[in-house]
């Protein structure tokens, strides 16, 4: 079991940067695969990025490759999402997710635990 709380969202101009954090509870954080998803108004929740338990392996959606970076600090029970060169189309509610599967999933149904979300708005 794990509880997740996102933070760091806000309003940013196009081309700017923002870092999101996801704080997790529990003593077994290192056993969870972690992921970030986002959902824009009127659209389905979509995969952004995921990271393995050790932090060695990562995967990204094509739309954010080269701009976003996921990382984790197991000693601090925290996963991060560094977002650079932000675009208006990045505007969405961003969710942190966790699961005990050995492999990373790009599907929302592949994650058992979710945070409440944090709003990211990119102005043109």
Protein backbone atom coordinates (compact mmCIF):
# COMPACT_ATOMS: atom_id res chain seq x y z
CA UNK A 1 0.00 0.00 0.00
CA UNK A 2 1.07 3.56 -0.70
CA UNK A 3 -0.49 7.04 -0.61
CA UNK A 4 0.57 9.69 -3.14
CA UNK A 5 0.43 13.50 -3.03
CA UNK A 6 1.45 15.66 -6.01
CA UNK A 7 2.69 19.26 -5.78
CA UNK A 8 4.45 21.89 -7.88
CA UNK A 9 1.78 22.72 -10.46
CA UNK A 10 1.08 26.26 -11.58
CA UNK A 11 0.89 28.78 -14.42
CA UNK A 12 3.87 29.01 -16.79
CA UNK A 13 4.49 30.81 -20.09
CA UNK A 14 5.24 28.76 -23.21
CA UNK A 15 8.92 27.81 -23.35
CA UNK A 16 9.25 27.86 -19.57
CA UNK A 17 10.01 25.09 -17.08
CA UNK A 18 8.30 23.52 -14.10
CA UNK A 19 9.09 20.66 -11.71
CA UNK A 20 6.40 18.45 -10.18
CA UNK A 21 6.91 16.32 -7.07
CA UNK A 22 5.05 13.25 -5.82
CA UNK A 23 5.50 12.39 -2.15
CA UNK A 24 4.71 8.79 -1.18
CA UNK A 25 3.94 7.24 2.19
CA UNK A 26 5.03 3.82 3.40
CA UNK A 27 8.28 1.96 4.00
CA UNK A 28 8.37 0.04 0.70
CA UNK A 29 8.49 2.90 -1.83
CA UNK A 30 11.43 1.32 -3.67
CA UNK A 31 9.24 -1.70 -4.57
CA UNK A 32 6.85 0.41 -6.69
CA UNK A 33 7.01 1.27 -10.36
CA UNK A 34 6.05 4.96 -10.63
CA UNK A 35 4.35 6.82 -13.45
CA UNK A 36 2.98 10.22 -14.48
CA UNK A 37 -0.26 10.69 -16.43
CA UNK A 38 -2.13 13.82 -17.49
CA UNK A 39 -5.69 14.73 -18.42
CA UNK A 40 -6.77 17.85 -20.33
CA UNK A 41 -10.37 19.16 -20.30
CA UNK A 42 -12.63 16.97 -22.44
CA UNK A 43 -9.88 14.45 -23.16
CA UNK A 44 -8.93 10.99 -21.90
CA UNK A 45 -6.20 10.48 -19.33
CA UNK A 46 -2.92 9.87 -21.19
CA UNK A 47 0.45 8.38 -20.33
CA UNK A 48 3.39 10.76 -19.87
CA UNK A 49 6.30 8.80 -18.38
CA UNK A 50 7.24 5.95 -16.01
CA UNK A 51 10.27 4.82 -14.01
CA UNK A 52 11.39 1.45 -12.64
CA UNK A 53 11.82 0.63 -8.95
CA UNK A 54 15.56 1.24 -9.07
CA UNK A 55 15.27 4.35 -11.24
CA UNK A 56 17.55 2.85 -13.88
CA UNK A 57 14.87 2.33 -16.54
CA UNK A 58 12.49 5.00 -17.86
CA UNK A 59 10.01 5.38 -20.70
CA UNK A 60 8.34 8.45 -22.22
CA UNK A 61 5.40 9.32 -24.45
CA UNK A 62 6.56 10.58 -27.85
CA UNK A 63 4.95 13.96 -27.18
CA UNK A 64 7.31 14.72 -24.26
CA UNK A 65 10.56 12.99 -25.26
CA UNK A 66 13.50 15.36 -25.02
CA UNK A 67 11.52 17.85 -22.93
CA UNK A 68 10.43 15.97 -19.78
CA UNK A 69 12.57 13.97 -17.35
CA UNK A 70 11.32 11.59 -14.65
CA UNK A 71 13.48 10.73 -11.64
CA UNK A 72 13.09 9.29 -8.14
CA UNK A 73 14.80 9.50 -4.76
CA UNK A 74 13.92 6.34 -2.84
CA UNK A 75 15.56 7.68 0.32
CA UNK A 76 13.06 10.56 0.27
CA UNK A 77 10.07 8.52 -0.98
CA UNK A 78 9.65 11.01 -3.83
CA UNK A 79 9.33 10.92 -7.62
CA UNK A 80 9.87 14.02 -9.77
CA UNK A 81 8.83 15.27 -13.20
CA UNK A 82 11.07 17.97 -14.67
CA UNK A 83 9.29 19.72 -17.54
CA UNK A 84 11.18 21.97 -19.96
CA UNK A 85 10.21 23.84 -23.14
CA UNK A 86 6.57 23.72 -22.09
CA UNK A 87 3.87 24.12 -24.73
CA UNK A 88 0.20 25.18 -24.41
CA UNK A 89 -0.79 21.61 -25.30
CA UNK A 90 0.94 20.42 -22.10
CA UNK A 91 -1.85 22.10 -20.11
CA UNK A 92 -3.59 19.44 -18.02
CA UNK A 93 -4.03 17.97 -14.58
CA UNK A 94 -0.98 15.81 -13.86
CA UNK A 95 -1.36 12.63 -11.81
CA UNK A 96 1.23 10.50 -10.04
CA UNK A 97 0.63 6.72 -10.03
CA UNK A 98 2.21 3.63 -8.45
CA UNK A 99 2.07 -0.13 -8.89
CA UNK A 100 3.89 -3.24 -7.65
CA UNK A 101 4.29 -4.86 -11.08
CA UNK A 102 7.82 -5.72 -12.16
CA UNK A 103 7.43 -4.00 -15.54
CA UNK A 104 6.46 -0.43 -16.41
CA UNK A 105 3.03 0.13 -17.97
CA UNK A 106 1.85 2.90 -20.31
CA UNK A 107 -1.79 2.17 -19.45
CA UNK A 108 -3.67 3.81 -16.58
CA UNK A 109 -5.21 0.44 -15.67
CA UNK A 110 -1.70 -0.81 -14.96
CA UNK A 111 -1.46 1.31 -11.80
CA UNK A 112 -3.27 0.53 -8.55
CA UNK A 113 -2.55 3.74 -6.63
CA UNK A 114 -3.11 7.38 -7.65
CA UNK A 115 -2.56 10.87 -6.29
CA UNK A 116 -5.15 13.68 -6.36
CA UNK A 117 -3.52 15.53 -9.26
CA UNK A 118 -1.95 18.96 -9.70
CA UNK A 119 -2.89 21.55 -12.35
CA UNK A 120 -0.32 22.69 -14.92
CA UNK A 121 -1.33 25.58 -17.18
CA UNK A 122 0.90 26.81 -20.02
CA UNK A 123 -0.01 30.16 -21.59
CA UNK A 124 0.77 31.09 -25.20
